[in-house]
Protein backbone atom coordinates (compact mmCIF):
# COMPACT_ATOMS: atom_id res chain seq x y z
CA MET A 1 -20.62 -6.65 -138.20
CA ARG A 2 -19.92 -3.39 -140.00
CA ARG A 3 -21.73 -0.09 -139.73
CA LEU A 4 -20.67 3.11 -141.47
CA THR A 5 -22.05 6.51 -140.54
CA TYR A 6 -21.34 9.63 -142.55
CA THR A 7 -21.91 13.05 -140.97
CA ASN A 8 -21.60 16.12 -143.18
CA SER A 9 -20.48 19.62 -142.19
CA ARG A 10 -24.12 20.61 -141.51
CA GLY A 11 -24.44 17.88 -138.90
CA GLU A 12 -26.71 15.69 -141.02
CA SER A 13 -25.98 11.96 -140.78
CA ILE A 14 -26.81 8.81 -142.70
CA LEU A 15 -26.24 5.24 -141.49
CA PHE A 16 -25.19 2.48 -143.85
CA ASP A 17 -25.88 -0.77 -142.05
CA ALA A 18 -29.03 -2.71 -142.87
CA GLU A 19 -32.48 -1.65 -144.01
CA PRO A 20 -32.88 0.58 -145.95
CA TYR A 21 -29.19 1.07 -146.87
CA PHE A 22 -27.37 -2.26 -147.16
CA ILE A 23 -23.57 -2.43 -147.51
CA ASP A 24 -22.45 -4.68 -150.36
CA SER A 25 -18.78 -3.70 -150.49
CA LEU A 26 -16.56 -1.39 -148.44
CA THR A 27 -12.95 -0.86 -149.59
CA GLY A 28 -10.14 1.50 -148.66
CA ILE A 29 -10.59 1.12 -144.91
CA GLY A 30 -7.37 -0.80 -144.36
CA GLU A 31 -5.19 -0.41 -147.43
CA VAL A 32 -3.52 2.91 -148.18
CA SER A 33 -0.83 3.72 -150.74
CA ALA A 34 2.62 4.88 -149.67
CA GLU A 35 5.39 6.76 -151.44
CA ILE A 36 8.95 5.74 -150.61
CA GLN A 37 11.29 8.72 -150.74
CA SER A 38 14.97 8.14 -151.44
CA GLN A 39 17.98 9.83 -152.99
CA ARG A 40 21.01 8.69 -154.97
CA ALA A 41 24.51 10.11 -154.97
CA PRO A 42 26.71 10.06 -158.10
CA TYR A 43 28.13 6.58 -158.76
CA GLN A 44 26.07 5.08 -155.91
CA ASP A 45 24.73 1.58 -156.33
CA GLY A 46 21.07 1.58 -155.44
CA ASP A 47 19.87 4.55 -153.42
CA THR A 48 19.48 5.81 -149.83
CA TYR A 49 16.16 5.52 -148.05
CA ILE A 50 14.85 8.80 -146.59
CA ASP A 51 11.24 8.36 -145.55
CA THR A 52 7.88 6.79 -146.37
CA ILE A 53 4.94 9.13 -146.96
CA LEU A 54 1.37 7.84 -146.88
CA GLN A 55 -0.98 9.04 -149.60
CA PRO A 56 -4.57 10.18 -148.95
CA ARG A 57 -7.05 7.43 -148.21
CA TYR A 58 -9.92 6.68 -150.65
CA PRO A 59 -12.77 4.76 -148.98
CA SER A 60 -15.39 3.44 -151.38
CA LEU A 61 -18.86 2.16 -150.54
CA GLU A 62 -21.12 0.07 -152.74
CA GLY A 63 -24.58 -0.56 -151.39
CA THR A 64 -28.19 -1.39 -152.17
CA ILE A 65 -31.53 0.17 -151.34
CA ILE A 66 -34.29 -2.46 -151.24
CA GLU A 67 -37.69 -0.81 -151.51
CA GLY A 68 -40.74 -1.82 -153.51
CA ASP A 69 -42.51 1.54 -153.28
CA LEU A 70 -41.32 3.90 -156.02
CA LEU A 71 -42.04 7.09 -154.04
CA ARG A 72 -40.22 5.78 -150.98
CA MET A 73 -37.27 4.71 -153.17
CA LYS A 74 -37.05 8.25 -154.56
CA GLN A 75 -37.02 9.71 -151.03
CA LEU A 76 -34.20 7.40 -149.97
CA ARG A 77 -32.13 8.37 -152.99
CA LYS A 78 -32.69 12.05 -152.27
CA GLN A 79 -31.57 11.49 -148.66
CA ILE A 80 -28.24 10.05 -149.84
CA LEU A 81 -27.73 12.93 -152.25
CA ARG A 82 -28.60 15.51 -149.60
CA VAL A 83 -26.27 14.19 -146.91
CA CYS A 84 -23.45 13.08 -149.23
CA ASN A 85 -23.13 16.42 -150.99
CA PRO A 86 -19.54 17.07 -152.21
CA LYS A 87 -20.09 20.85 -151.99
CA LEU A 88 -20.27 20.65 -148.19
CA GLY A 89 -16.55 19.99 -147.75
CA LEU A 90 -15.09 17.77 -145.05
CA GLY A 91 -17.39 15.40 -143.22
CA LYS A 92 -16.79 12.59 -140.75
CA LEU A 93 -16.86 8.85 -141.44
CA THR A 94 -17.44 6.68 -138.37
CA LEU A 95 -16.85 2.96 -138.87
CA ASN A 96 -17.82 0.23 -136.45
CA LEU A 97 -16.19 -3.05 -137.46
CA ASP A 98 -16.68 -6.06 -135.18
CA GLY A 99 -17.16 -3.82 -132.17
CA ASP A 100 -14.14 -1.58 -132.89
CA THR A 101 -15.07 2.05 -133.64
CA LYS A 102 -12.80 4.49 -135.48
CA GLU A 103 -13.39 7.75 -137.35
CA ILE A 104 -11.78 9.68 -140.18
CA TYR A 105 -12.50 12.95 -141.98
CA GLY A 106 -13.09 12.99 -145.72
CA VAL A 107 -14.66 14.87 -148.60
CA LEU A 108 -16.94 13.32 -151.22
CA ASP A 109 -14.98 12.46 -154.36
CA GLY A 110 -17.91 13.37 -156.61
CA ALA A 111 -21.64 12.93 -156.11
CA PRO A 112 -23.12 9.48 -155.26
CA THR A 113 -23.97 7.42 -158.34
CA PHE A 114 -27.11 5.35 -158.91
CA PRO A 115 -26.95 2.84 -161.80
CA GLU A 116 -30.11 2.25 -163.81
CA ARG A 117 -32.48 0.06 -161.75
CA GLY A 118 -34.88 -1.07 -164.48
CA GLU A 119 -37.83 -3.08 -163.14
CA ASN A 120 -35.97 -4.32 -160.06
CA LEU A 121 -37.18 -3.72 -156.52
CA PHE A 122 -33.73 -2.58 -155.46
CA GLN A 123 -31.42 0.33 -156.28
CA THR A 124 -27.64 0.03 -156.16
CA PHE A 125 -25.45 3.03 -155.34
CA MET A 126 -21.78 3.93 -155.02
CA ILE A 127 -20.14 6.62 -152.85
CA ASN A 128 -16.44 7.56 -152.88
CA TRP A 129 -14.53 9.73 -150.42
CA LYS A 130 -11.07 11.24 -150.27
CA CYS A 131 -9.52 11.47 -146.80
CA PRO A 132 -6.56 13.93 -146.86
CA ASN A 133 -5.32 12.61 -143.51
CA PRO A 134 -5.10 8.83 -144.08
CA TYR A 135 -5.15 7.81 -140.41
CA TRP A 136 -8.17 6.49 -138.58
CA ARG A 137 -8.49 7.91 -135.08
CA ASP A 138 -10.04 6.77 -131.84
CA PRO A 139 -13.22 8.84 -131.26
CA LYS A 140 -12.42 8.98 -127.54
CA GLU A 141 -10.24 11.94 -126.62
CA VAL A 142 -7.83 11.31 -123.76
CA SER A 143 -7.04 14.23 -121.45
CA ARG A 144 -4.57 14.64 -118.60
CA ALA A 145 -3.97 17.58 -116.27
CA LEU A 146 -0.66 18.57 -114.70
CA ARG A 147 -0.43 20.65 -111.56
CA ALA A 148 1.02 24.14 -111.82
CA TYR A 149 4.12 25.92 -110.66
CA GLU A 150 4.13 25.75 -106.86
CA GLY A 151 5.26 29.00 -105.26
CA LEU A 152 7.40 28.68 -102.13
CA PHE A 153 8.85 32.09 -101.38
CA LYS A 154 7.56 34.20 -98.51
CA MET A 155 8.27 37.70 -97.29
CA PRO A 156 10.58 38.74 -95.81
CA MET A 157 13.10 36.68 -97.83
CA THR A 158 16.62 35.78 -96.79
CA PHE A 159 19.30 34.36 -99.03
CA PRO A 160 19.74 31.67 -100.16
CA PHE A 161 16.11 30.97 -100.94
CA GLU A 162 14.13 28.68 -103.24
CA LEU A 163 11.85 30.43 -105.71
CA GLY A 164 9.55 27.50 -106.34
CA LEU A 165 9.04 24.01 -107.69
CA SER A 166 8.98 23.75 -111.46
CA GLY A 167 5.57 22.41 -112.31
CA ASP A 168 4.92 18.71 -112.75
CA SER A 169 5.73 15.73 -114.95
CA THR A 170 3.76 12.68 -115.98
CA ILE A 171 3.75 9.76 -118.41
CA LEU A 172 1.27 9.93 -121.28
CA VAL A 173 0.59 6.79 -123.33
CA ASN A 174 -0.22 6.99 -127.03
CA GLU A 175 -1.86 3.66 -127.90
CA GLY A 176 -1.95 4.37 -131.64
CA ASP A 177 0.23 3.18 -134.51
CA VAL A 178 1.75 6.59 -135.28
CA GLU A 179 2.53 9.87 -133.52
CA SER A 180 -0.45 11.88 -132.29
CA PRO A 181 -0.83 15.68 -132.26
CA VAL A 182 -1.92 17.24 -128.98
CA THR A 183 -3.94 20.20 -127.78
CA ILE A 184 -2.57 22.02 -124.76
CA ASP A 185 -4.57 24.44 -122.60
CA ILE A 186 -2.74 26.48 -119.96
CA GLN A 187 -4.74 28.41 -117.38
CA GLY A 188 -3.13 31.48 -115.83
CA PRO A 189 -1.82 33.13 -113.80
CA ILE A 190 1.53 31.92 -115.11
CA THR A 191 4.66 33.41 -116.66
CA ASN A 192 6.56 31.91 -119.63
CA PRO A 193 5.09 28.37 -119.52
CA GLN A 194 7.07 25.56 -121.13
CA ILE A 195 5.80 22.06 -121.94
CA ILE A 196 8.55 19.53 -122.67
CA ASN A 197 8.28 16.11 -124.28
CA VAL A 198 11.27 14.59 -122.50
CA THR A 199 11.00 11.44 -124.62
CA THR A 200 11.68 13.30 -127.88
CA GLY A 201 13.65 16.24 -126.42
CA GLN A 202 11.25 18.77 -127.96
CA TYR A 203 9.48 21.58 -126.16
CA ILE A 204 7.01 24.43 -126.59
CA ARG A 205 7.73 27.64 -124.66
CA VAL A 206 5.56 30.74 -124.81
CA ASN A 207 7.26 33.93 -123.65
CA ARG A 208 4.25 35.69 -122.18
CA SER A 209 2.49 36.10 -118.85
CA LEU A 210 -1.12 34.95 -118.49
CA SER A 211 -3.55 36.51 -116.05
CA ASP A 212 -5.94 34.41 -113.99
CA ASN A 213 -8.78 34.85 -116.52
CA GLU A 214 -6.69 33.93 -119.57
CA VAL A 215 -6.14 30.53 -121.21
CA LEU A 216 -3.38 29.74 -123.68
CA HIS A 217 -4.49 27.21 -126.32
CA ILE A 218 -1.95 25.29 -128.45
CA ASN A 219 -2.74 22.79 -131.22
CA THR A 220 0.14 20.79 -132.78
CA ASP A 221 -1.89 19.18 -135.60
CA ASP A 222 -0.09 19.83 -138.92
CA GLN A 223 -3.40 20.74 -140.56
CA ASN A 224 -4.59 23.00 -137.75
CA LYS A 225 -1.54 24.47 -135.97
CA ARG A 226 -2.43 27.37 -133.69
CA VAL A 227 -1.39 29.31 -130.62
CA GLU A 228 -4.17 31.49 -129.21
CA ILE A 229 -5.06 33.27 -126.00
CA TYR A 230 -8.63 33.17 -124.72
CA ARG A 231 -10.16 35.50 -122.16
CA ASN A 232 -13.54 34.58 -120.70
CA GLY A 233 -14.02 32.00 -123.47
CA ALA A 234 -13.38 34.33 -126.43
CA THR A 235 -10.25 34.57 -128.58
CA ILE A 236 -8.48 37.84 -127.86
CA GLU A 237 -5.06 37.34 -129.41
CA LYS A 238 -3.10 35.20 -131.85
CA ALA A 239 -0.06 34.25 -129.80
CA ILE A 240 2.23 32.39 -132.21
CA GLY A 241 4.56 35.39 -132.13
CA TYR A 242 5.32 34.70 -128.46
CA LEU A 243 6.79 31.27 -129.19
CA ASP A 244 10.41 30.67 -128.30
CA HIS A 245 12.47 30.38 -131.51
CA TYR A 246 13.48 26.79 -130.74
CA SER A 247 9.97 25.60 -129.93
CA ASP A 248 8.59 22.58 -131.80
CA PHE A 249 4.96 21.62 -132.33
CA TRP A 250 5.76 18.22 -130.87
CA LYS A 251 3.55 15.15 -130.94
CA LEU A 252 3.22 12.06 -128.78
CA GLU A 253 5.29 9.13 -129.98
CA PRO A 254 3.60 5.69 -129.99
CA GLY A 255 3.92 4.23 -126.51
CA GLN A 256 5.02 6.08 -123.39
CA ASN A 257 5.95 9.77 -123.43
CA GLU A 258 7.35 11.63 -120.43
CA ILE A 259 5.87 15.14 -120.35
CA LYS A 260 7.19 17.91 -118.10
CA TYR A 261 5.67 21.30 -117.35
CA ILE A 262 7.67 24.24 -116.02
CA ALA A 263 7.31 28.02 -115.82
CA ASP A 264 9.28 31.04 -114.68
CA ALA A 265 6.62 32.12 -112.21
CA GLY A 266 3.03 31.36 -111.28
CA THR A 267 0.63 30.30 -108.59
CA ALA A 268 -1.07 27.12 -107.50
CA ASN A 269 -4.09 28.18 -109.55
CA GLY A 270 -2.28 27.78 -112.86
CA ILE A 271 -2.87 24.42 -114.54
CA VAL A 272 -2.12 22.75 -117.86
CA ALA A 273 -4.26 20.13 -119.61
CA ILE A 274 -3.09 17.98 -122.54
CA ALA A 275 -5.53 16.11 -124.79
CA TRP A 276 -5.09 13.83 -127.78
CA HIS A 277 -6.61 11.11 -129.95
CA SER A 278 -4.75 7.92 -130.89
CA TYR A 279 -4.30 7.36 -134.64
CA TYR A 280 -4.21 4.05 -136.55
CA LEU A 281 -3.19 2.79 -139.99
CA GLY A 282 -6.40 0.84 -140.48
CA VAL A 283 -9.42 -0.71 -138.85
């Protein structure tokens, strides 16, 4: 069983499954081209492998509209052209293949084409997309919360004393084939929060205090990197300038990742939530 749904940037959707839009051929859902990067030193036999870079994905759909009524056939064609409009930019492809559902974002690589139908009672069509990010992702977003900095000190204080426990740590599991970007939301009050991926040794530290009505939002997606502060649900400040110089927009490695959360100061009300989608090479 295969069902493909395309949703454009206006929220309009069209389902390619059975009547009236039958799928004849669907390619580009598994295969994707790769570029092998290497370098060669003077007098070196062969070369030295550096990395493999995946190219954009190009799904292609060939289908058939079966309809004996000419007016109804015209309406169905117009529906395809309306929803699959290349001027609308990125849309979402959702593929269900044998009970497994994945999604990917793509832009129409030209308008849908409709070959001459003659006297037939059916109309063939072809639609091509370009997906800049070649990975399919799980539609289900996984989210985990870590408890905040736990204050311990009391007044009056005597030395030596313990200022507090440094946040929390947990194991996050990326079930995908490749690394996954994360979104991180930190609720104040907190001072200089730091989220560490112990597995990779990378961290993100923001040198700023958050009040109890502020939320720090971080996105590590290469195509949508951002560090912002929200107050009462509205963006009030771009906060990338508060990043520690050695911070990395880290991602979750495939498999288990140990994540640790610490801060210089805070209260039990401060929390951090991490969310991600798993990404796959094909469906």
